[in-house]
Amino acid sequence: MSDGRQRLGLPPPQTGLQVAIVGRIGGTHIGDSLRHAATQSGHQVAFFDVEGAEVGFAPLRSLAWRFDHRPIGLRRFSDRVAEACVRHPPDLMITTGAGGLTGEAVQAIRGAGTIIANYSTDDPWNPSLRARWHLKALPHYDVIFTPRRANIDDFRRHGCRDVHYLPFGYDERYAHPPETEPGADDASDVLFVGGADRDRAAFMSGFARPGVAVKLAGGYWERFAQFRQGALGLKSPEALRRLTAAAKLNLCLVRRANRDGHVMRSLEIGAIGGCMLAEDTAEHRELLGPDGEAVVYFASPADAAGKAAALLPAQDERRRMAARLQARIASGRHTYGDRLAAMLAAALPADKLTAARPIAESAKA
């Protein structure tokens, strides 16, 4: 093994694909889910933790973020990634979210022969996330994957050459039925998992009804007096499995500021085995099926409250829907291994994929 390949984090050359990923390591971060999927598929993976772009003096970090949502170490991190990938070009690089790379770094990596893709996990035009440096870099990518149809024309108008809709997936390491039976402390009438965005807080205010026990897992719910009793804070994947399985109903809301048609929980709830009450969107119906088959849809807080009131005492119906939803998600090719395969098929030439396929099949056997 050469010293350069060691620094890049790649094993000795094999016939599998060389894949580089820029994202966050650990937890339920999508970059780490893609890393795991690529490794399990037999590809050689170099992972660059975007946290490296955020290292610096705290006050300066805060100032840089306020100025343009710019990580303080963006230039240094981008240059380091570009240098490594120019020295040993991977077949494909995937960056996640805002990407962590400047436009100059993207161009340098492409110039060395690597195809580079961005999986745009958040809406780049969301005012609370919009970053000029990232928008400037986007047209230099070979391929853009987005989990929201609302962004497709935005990317094309912005000058991105090749844009694909690619839904969120689920990571089988975390989204599966709990290993142990949930306890009484895990139970609730309704569970919602996600941060307390203003529109979500407004929704919950209109949804809440006396006698319905609602639990809220995610950041900032404790800031609202009316929600403090049910606010759980951030929870581990293991705790979320238990809470999801134990809840009579799992409420699934999209993020309005992100123009989402679905979210990560749209797939995770079913993979865990929960019963879902979901916001009515075209993407939800495409992924989860028609109303009443595996999920029940709602159009407003009052509509959701009424449908919850009908479902909460209907235990057999909830169990039937949860089983149908779990079967639909499991058979629908929605893991991040499936999402990675879709990325490879869209981004790489067919002959390169054909050469790598025996390695991937052998790794999964």
Protein backbone atom coordinates (compact mmCIF):
# COMPACT_ATOMS: atom_id res chain seq x y z
CA MET A 1 0.00 0.00 0.00
CA SER A 2 1.43 3.37 -1.00
CA ASP A 3 1.78 6.17 1.52
CA GLY A 4 -0.53 8.36 -0.58
CA ARG A 5 -3.25 5.72 -0.65
CA GLN A 6 -2.93 5.26 3.12
CA ARG A 7 -3.44 9.00 3.67
CA LEU A 8 -6.53 8.90 1.45
CA GLY A 9 -7.90 6.03 3.52
CA LEU A 10 -8.10 3.51 0.66
CA PRO A 11 -7.14 -0.17 0.84
CA PRO A 12 -4.87 -1.67 -1.86
CA PRO A 13 -6.24 -1.32 -5.43
CA GLN A 14 -8.93 -3.86 -6.37
CA THR A 15 -11.41 -4.17 -9.21
CA GLY A 16 -14.21 -2.50 -7.21
CA LEU A 17 -15.06 1.17 -7.53
CA GLN A 18 -13.15 3.86 -5.69
CA VAL A 19 -15.74 6.09 -3.98
CA ALA A 20 -15.01 9.24 -1.98
CA ILE A 21 -17.68 10.77 0.28
CA VAL A 22 -17.82 14.15 1.99
CA GLY A 23 -20.25 14.22 4.89
CA ARG A 24 -20.61 13.77 8.62
CA ILE A 25 -19.43 10.60 10.30
CA GLY A 26 -21.49 8.57 12.74
CA GLY A 27 -25.05 8.71 13.96
CA THR A 28 -27.80 8.89 11.37
CA HIS A 29 -26.00 11.30 9.04
CA ILE A 30 -26.66 10.47 5.39
CA GLY A 31 -22.99 10.71 4.45
CA ASP A 32 -22.18 7.98 6.96
CA SER A 33 -25.11 5.87 5.70
CA LEU A 34 -23.72 6.11 2.16
CA ARG A 35 -20.23 5.25 3.45
CA HIS A 36 -21.59 2.12 5.13
CA ALA A 37 -23.58 1.16 2.02
CA ALA A 38 -20.57 1.58 -0.25
CA THR A 39 -18.35 -0.50 2.03
CA GLN A 40 -20.99 -3.24 2.26
CA SER A 41 -21.23 -3.26 -1.53
CA GLY A 42 -17.51 -4.03 -1.86
CA HIS A 43 -16.35 -0.60 -3.00
CA GLN A 44 -13.24 1.11 -1.69
CA VAL A 45 -14.25 4.16 0.32
CA ALA A 46 -12.45 7.34 1.32
CA PHE A 47 -14.48 9.42 3.78
CA PHE A 48 -13.85 13.10 4.51
CA ASP A 49 -15.63 14.33 7.64
CA VAL A 50 -16.98 17.81 6.90
CA GLU A 51 -16.57 18.64 10.58
CA GLY A 52 -12.97 19.36 9.61
CA ALA A 53 -14.21 22.50 7.84
CA GLU A 54 -15.70 23.80 11.09
CA VAL A 55 -12.61 23.71 13.30
CA GLY A 56 -11.53 27.14 14.51
CA PHE A 57 -11.85 29.88 17.10
CA ALA A 58 -15.47 29.85 18.33
CA PRO A 59 -16.26 33.58 17.91
CA LEU A 60 -14.85 33.53 14.38
CA ARG A 61 -16.85 30.38 13.59
CA SER A 62 -20.02 32.14 14.67
CA LEU A 63 -19.20 35.27 12.65
CA ALA A 64 -18.43 33.29 9.48
CA TRP A 65 -21.67 31.32 9.82
CA ARG A 66 -23.75 34.47 10.27
CA PHE A 67 -22.09 36.14 7.29
CA ASP A 68 -22.80 33.43 4.68
CA HIS A 69 -23.40 30.12 6.48
CA ARG A 70 -19.75 29.53 5.72
CA PRO A 71 -17.66 27.05 7.76
CA ILE A 72 -14.61 28.89 9.06
CA GLY A 73 -12.21 26.25 7.72
CA LEU A 74 -13.95 25.79 4.36
CA ARG A 75 -10.99 26.80 2.19
CA ARG A 76 -8.46 24.73 4.14
CA PHE A 77 -10.73 21.66 4.19
CA SER A 78 -11.60 21.99 0.50
CA ASP A 79 -7.96 22.27 -0.50
CA ARG A 80 -7.05 19.20 1.54
CA VAL A 81 -9.81 17.11 -0.03
CA ALA A 82 -8.97 18.32 -3.54
CA GLU A 83 -5.26 17.58 -3.06
CA ALA A 84 -5.97 14.03 -1.90
CA CYS A 85 -8.39 13.33 -4.74
CA VAL A 86 -6.14 14.83 -7.42
CA ARG A 87 -3.28 12.65 -6.18
CA HIS A 88 -5.44 9.48 -6.21
CA PRO A 89 -8.61 10.20 -8.20
CA PRO A 90 -11.65 8.14 -7.11
CA ASP A 91 -14.19 7.01 -9.69
CA LEU A 92 -16.95 8.97 -7.98
CA MET A 93 -17.09 11.58 -5.24
CA ILE A 94 -20.38 12.24 -3.44
CA THR A 95 -20.79 15.31 -1.28
CA THR A 96 -23.84 15.60 0.98
CA GLY A 97 -25.82 18.65 2.00
CA ALA A 98 -23.95 21.91 1.43
CA GLY A 99 -21.05 19.79 0.27
CA GLY A 100 -18.21 21.29 2.27
CA LEU A 101 -16.28 22.08 -0.94
CA THR A 102 -15.64 25.36 -2.72
CA GLY A 103 -16.30 25.65 -6.44
CA GLU A 104 -12.54 25.71 -7.04
CA ALA A 105 -12.13 22.38 -5.23
CA VAL A 106 -14.98 20.82 -7.20
CA GLN A 107 -13.36 21.93 -10.46
CA ALA A 108 -9.95 20.59 -9.41
CA ILE A 109 -11.41 17.18 -8.54
CA ARG A 110 -13.33 17.02 -11.83
CA GLY A 111 -10.20 18.08 -13.70
CA ALA A 112 -8.36 15.02 -12.36
CA GLY A 113 -10.96 12.72 -13.96
CA THR A 114 -13.32 12.10 -11.05
CA ILE A 115 -17.07 12.38 -11.54
CA ILE A 116 -18.43 14.46 -8.67
CA ALA A 117 -22.02 14.49 -7.43
CA ASN A 118 -23.90 16.38 -4.73
CA TYR A 119 -26.79 14.85 -2.77
CA SER A 120 -28.65 18.04 -1.84
CA THR A 121 -30.23 16.90 1.42
CA ASP A 122 -31.49 20.42 2.27
CA ASP A 123 -33.03 23.06 0.04
CA PRO A 124 -30.10 25.37 -0.94
CA TRP A 125 -32.58 28.24 -1.39
CA ASN A 126 -34.04 27.88 2.11
CA PRO A 127 -33.39 31.38 3.58
CA SER A 128 -32.15 29.91 6.88
CA LEU A 129 -29.58 27.76 5.04
CA ARG A 130 -28.80 29.72 1.87
CA ALA A 131 -25.05 30.11 1.34
CA ARG A 132 -23.61 32.04 -1.59
CA TRP A 133 -20.41 29.99 -1.62
CA HIS A 134 -22.40 26.76 -2.00
CA LEU A 135 -24.71 28.17 -4.68
CA LYS A 136 -21.61 29.30 -6.58
CA ALA A 137 -20.16 25.77 -6.41
CA LEU A 138 -23.30 23.89 -7.53
CA PRO A 139 -23.02 24.41 -11.33
CA HIS A 140 -19.53 22.86 -11.29
CA TYR A 141 -20.84 19.45 -10.17
CA ASP A 142 -21.33 16.74 -12.78
CA VAL A 143 -24.54 15.47 -11.19
CA ILE A 144 -27.03 16.78 -8.63
CA PHE A 145 -29.33 14.44 -6.70
CA THR A 146 -32.22 16.01 -4.80
CA PRO A 147 -34.87 14.43 -2.54
CA ARG A 148 -37.37 17.21 -3.31
CA ARG A 149 -39.11 17.67 -6.64
CA ALA A 150 -39.62 21.35 -5.79
CA ASN A 151 -35.88 21.95 -6.33
CA ILE A 152 -35.43 20.28 -9.72
CA ASP A 153 -36.21 23.35 -11.86
CA ASP A 154 -34.29 25.57 -9.44
CA PHE A 155 -31.13 23.55 -10.04
CA ARG A 156 -31.61 23.56 -13.80
CA ARG A 157 -32.16 27.32 -13.91
CA HIS A 158 -29.06 27.69 -11.74
CA GLY A 159 -26.94 26.05 -14.44
CA CYS A 160 -26.65 22.49 -13.08
CA ARG A 161 -26.23 20.13 -16.02
CA ASP A 162 -27.64 16.82 -14.79
CA VAL A 163 -30.32 16.79 -12.06
CA HIS A 164 -32.06 13.69 -10.65
CA TYR A 165 -34.84 13.24 -8.09
CA LEU A 166 -33.63 10.75 -5.48
CA PRO A 167 -35.77 10.28 -2.35
CA PHE A 168 -34.38 9.91 1.12
CA GLY A 169 -33.78 6.34 2.23
CA TYR A 170 -33.30 4.53 5.51
CA ASP A 171 -30.25 3.01 7.13
CA GLU A 172 -30.89 -0.61 8.10
CA ARG A 173 -28.46 -0.26 11.01
CA TYR A 174 -30.83 2.16 12.75
CA ALA A 175 -34.30 1.91 11.19
CA HIS A 176 -35.54 -1.54 12.14
CA PRO A 177 -37.85 -2.93 14.84
CA PRO A 178 -36.37 -2.58 18.36
CA GLU A 179 -34.32 -5.46 19.70
CA THR A 180 -36.11 -5.35 23.05
CA GLU A 181 -39.79 -4.85 23.84
CA PRO A 182 -40.57 -1.15 24.40
CA GLY A 183 -41.44 -0.28 27.98
CA ALA A 184 -44.32 1.69 29.44
CA ASP A 185 -42.16 4.82 29.48
CA ASP A 186 -41.84 4.59 25.68
CA ALA A 187 -45.58 4.55 25.04
CA SER A 188 -47.59 7.49 23.71
CA ASP A 189 -50.75 8.17 21.80
CA VAL A 190 -48.91 10.25 19.21
CA LEU A 191 -45.17 10.64 18.58
CA PHE A 192 -43.52 13.29 16.47
CA VAL A 193 -39.77 13.24 15.78
CA GLY A 194 -38.18 16.42 14.46
CA GLY A 195 -37.08 19.89 15.47
CA ALA A 196 -39.49 22.58 16.63
CA ASP A 197 -39.65 24.71 13.47
CA ARG A 198 -42.15 27.56 13.79
CA ASP A 199 -44.58 25.99 11.33
CA ARG A 200 -44.37 22.68 13.17
CA ALA A 201 -45.03 24.37 16.51
CA ALA A 202 -48.05 26.10 14.97
CA PHE A 203 -49.25 22.76 13.60
CA MET A 204 -48.92 21.05 16.97
CA SER A 205 -50.84 23.87 18.65
CA GLY A 206 -53.74 23.23 16.26
CA PHE A 207 -53.42 19.45 16.52
CA ALA A 208 -53.26 18.98 20.31
CA ARG A 209 -56.43 17.77 22.01
CA PRO A 210 -57.22 17.15 25.70
CA GLY A 211 -56.63 13.55 26.70
CA VAL A 212 -54.25 12.77 23.81
CA ALA A 213 -50.70 12.06 25.03
CA VAL A 214 -48.27 13.60 22.53
CA LYS A 215 -44.50 13.11 22.77
CA LEU A 216 -42.07 15.32 20.84
CA ALA A 217 -38.52 14.06 20.20
CA GLY A 218 -36.19 16.68 18.80
CA GLY A 219 -34.60 20.01 19.52
CA TYR A 220 -36.19 23.14 21.01
CA TRP A 221 -39.68 21.88 21.91
CA GLU A 222 -38.97 22.76 25.54
CA ARG A 223 -38.93 26.44 24.54
CA PHE A 224 -42.71 26.33 24.15
CA ALA A 225 -44.59 26.21 27.46
CA GLN A 226 -47.50 24.22 26.03
CA PHE A 227 -45.17 21.45 24.80
CA ARG A 228 -42.74 21.07 27.72
CA GLN A 229 -44.58 18.17 29.29
CA GLY A 230 -44.18 16.03 26.17
CA ALA A 231 -40.78 17.35 25.05
CA LEU A 232 -38.16 14.57 25.09
CA GLY A 233 -35.18 16.39 23.58
CA LEU A 234 -32.77 14.66 21.22
CA LYS A 235 -32.83 10.86 21.35
CA SER A 236 -30.50 8.10 20.22
CA PRO A 237 -31.47 5.86 17.28
CA GLU A 238 -32.11 3.01 19.72
CA ALA A 239 -34.46 5.17 21.82
CA LEU A 240 -36.27 6.37 18.69
CA ARG A 241 -36.87 2.77 17.61
CA ARG A 242 -38.56 2.00 20.92
CA LEU A 243 -40.59 5.21 20.90
CA THR A 244 -41.70 4.69 17.30
CA ALA A 245 -42.74 1.08 17.86
CA ALA A 246 -44.55 1.93 21.10
CA ALA A 247 -46.50 4.94 19.80
CA LYS A 248 -50.07 4.29 18.72
CA LEU A 249 -49.57 6.82 15.92
CA ASN A 250 -46.46 8.39 14.41
CA LEU A 251 -47.08 11.86 13.02
CA CYS A 252 -45.06 12.67 9.88
CA LEU A 253 -44.70 16.36 8.98
CA VAL A 254 -42.61 17.77 6.14
CA ARG A 255 -40.39 20.83 6.58
CA ARG A 256 -42.16 23.79 4.96
CA ALA A 257 -39.05 26.00 4.87
CA ASN A 258 -37.28 23.23 2.95
CA ARG A 259 -40.19 22.78 0.50
CA ASP A 260 -40.10 19.07 1.33
CA GLY A 261 -42.55 16.57 -0.08
CA HIS A 262 -41.23 13.90 2.28
CA VAL A 263 -38.58 13.61 5.01
CA MET A 264 -36.27 10.93 6.38
CA ARG A 265 -38.95 9.85 8.88
CA SER A 266 -41.31 9.16 5.96
CA LEU A 267 -39.36 5.95 5.38
CA GLU A 268 -37.92 5.28 8.82
CA ILE A 269 -41.30 4.99 10.57
CA GLY A 270 -42.37 2.14 8.31
CA ALA A 271 -38.99 0.40 8.47
CA ILE A 272 -39.22 0.39 12.27
CA GLY A 273 -42.78 -0.93 12.21
CA GLY A 274 -44.74 2.11 13.33
CA CYS A 275 -48.22 3.21 12.32
CA MET A 276 -48.13 6.49 10.39
CA LEU A 277 -50.37 9.53 10.10
CA ALA A 278 -48.73 11.51 7.29
CA GLU A 279 -49.04 14.95 5.75
CA ASP A 280 -50.74 14.66 2.36
CA THR A 281 -48.17 15.35 -0.37
CA ALA A 282 -47.60 13.95 -3.86
CA GLU A 283 -44.24 12.51 -2.81
CA HIS A 284 -45.79 10.78 0.21
CA ARG A 285 -48.47 9.16 -1.95
CA GLU A 286 -45.83 8.05 -4.46
CA LEU A 287 -43.67 6.48 -1.74
CA LEU A 288 -46.30 5.23 0.72
CA GLY A 289 -49.34 4.43 -1.41
CA PRO A 290 -52.96 5.60 -1.43
CA ASP A 291 -54.85 6.88 1.59
CA GLY A 292 -55.94 4.16 4.00
CA GLU A 293 -53.88 1.35 2.48
CA ALA A 294 -50.73 1.61 4.62
CA VAL A 295 -50.98 5.17 5.97
CA VAL A 296 -53.66 7.78 6.61
CA TYR A 297 -53.09 11.27 5.19
CA PHE A 298 -54.15 14.63 6.59
CA ALA A 299 -54.39 18.11 5.08
CA SER A 300 -54.50 20.35 8.17
CA PRO A 301 -54.03 20.23 11.95
CA ALA A 302 -57.78 19.85 12.48
CA ASP A 303 -57.95 17.09 9.86
CA ALA A 304 -55.04 15.30 11.53
CA ALA A 305 -56.68 15.61 14.95
CA GLY A 306 -59.93 14.14 13.65
CA LYS A 307 -58.23 11.21 11.96
CA ALA A 308 -56.08 10.57 15.03
CA ALA A 309 -59.24 10.49 17.18
CA ALA A 310 -60.68 7.81 14.87
CA LEU A 311 -57.51 5.71 14.77
CA LEU A 312 -56.42 5.79 18.41
CA PRO A 313 -59.12 3.35 19.63
CA ALA A 314 -58.84 1.20 16.46
CA GLN A 315 -55.98 -1.10 17.49
CA ASP A 316 -56.57 -3.75 14.81
CA GLU A 317 -56.66 -1.13 12.05
CA ARG A 318 -53.44 0.45 13.29
CA ARG A 319 -51.70 -2.92 13.38
CA ARG A 320 -52.91 -3.74 9.86
CA MET A 321 -51.63 -0.43 8.50
CA ALA A 322 -48.28 -0.74 10.27
CA ALA A 323 -47.74 -4.23 8.82
CA ARG A 324 -48.68 -3.07 5.32
CA LEU A 325 -46.39 -0.07 5.58
CA GLN A 326 -43.45 -2.13 6.84
CA ALA A 327 -43.90 -4.59 3.97
CA ARG A 328 -44.14 -1.77 1.43
CA ILE A 329 -40.97 -0.06 2.66
CA ALA A 330 -39.02 -3.34 2.91
CA SER A 331 -39.95 -4.40 -0.63
CA GLY A 332 -39.53 -0.98 -2.22
CA ARG A 333 -35.73 -0.75 -2.45
CA HIS A 334 -35.46 2.24 -0.14
CA THR A 335 -32.24 1.55 1.79
CA TYR A 336 -29.22 3.79 1.35
CA GLY A 337 -27.61 0.86 -0.42
CA ASP A 338 -30.39 1.21 -3.01
CA ARG A 339 -29.88 4.98 -3.13
CA LEU A 340 -26.14 4.51 -3.66
CA ALA A 341 -26.81 2.06 -6.49
CA ALA A 342 -29.07 4.64 -8.13
CA MET A 343 -26.36 7.29 -7.83
CA LEU A 344 -23.75 5.02 -9.38
CA ALA A 345 -26.08 4.07 -12.26
CA ALA A 346 -26.89 7.72 -13.01
CA ALA A 347 -23.35 9.09 -12.66
CA LEU A 348 -20.95 6.45 -14.00
CA PRO A 349 -20.48 4.88 -17.44
CA ALA A 350 -22.11 1.45 -17.85
CA ASP A 351 -18.81 -0.32 -18.58
CA LYS A 352 -17.31 0.83 -15.28
CA LEU A 353 -20.37 -0.38 -13.37
CA THR A 354 -20.29 -3.75 -15.14
CA ALA A 355 -16.65 -4.26 -14.19
CA ALA A 356 -17.38 -3.47 -10.53
CA ARG A 357 -20.59 -5.51 -10.21
CA PRO A 358 -19.00 -8.91 -9.42
CA ILE A 359 -17.15 -7.36 -6.48
CA ALA A 360 -20.34 -5.78 -5.12
CA GLU A 361 -22.29 -9.03 -5.52
CA SER A 362 -19.55 -11.00 -3.80
CA ALA A 363 -19.49 -8.59 -0.87
CA LYS A 364 -23.24 -8.94 -0.35
CA ALA A 365 -23.28 -12.74 -0.65
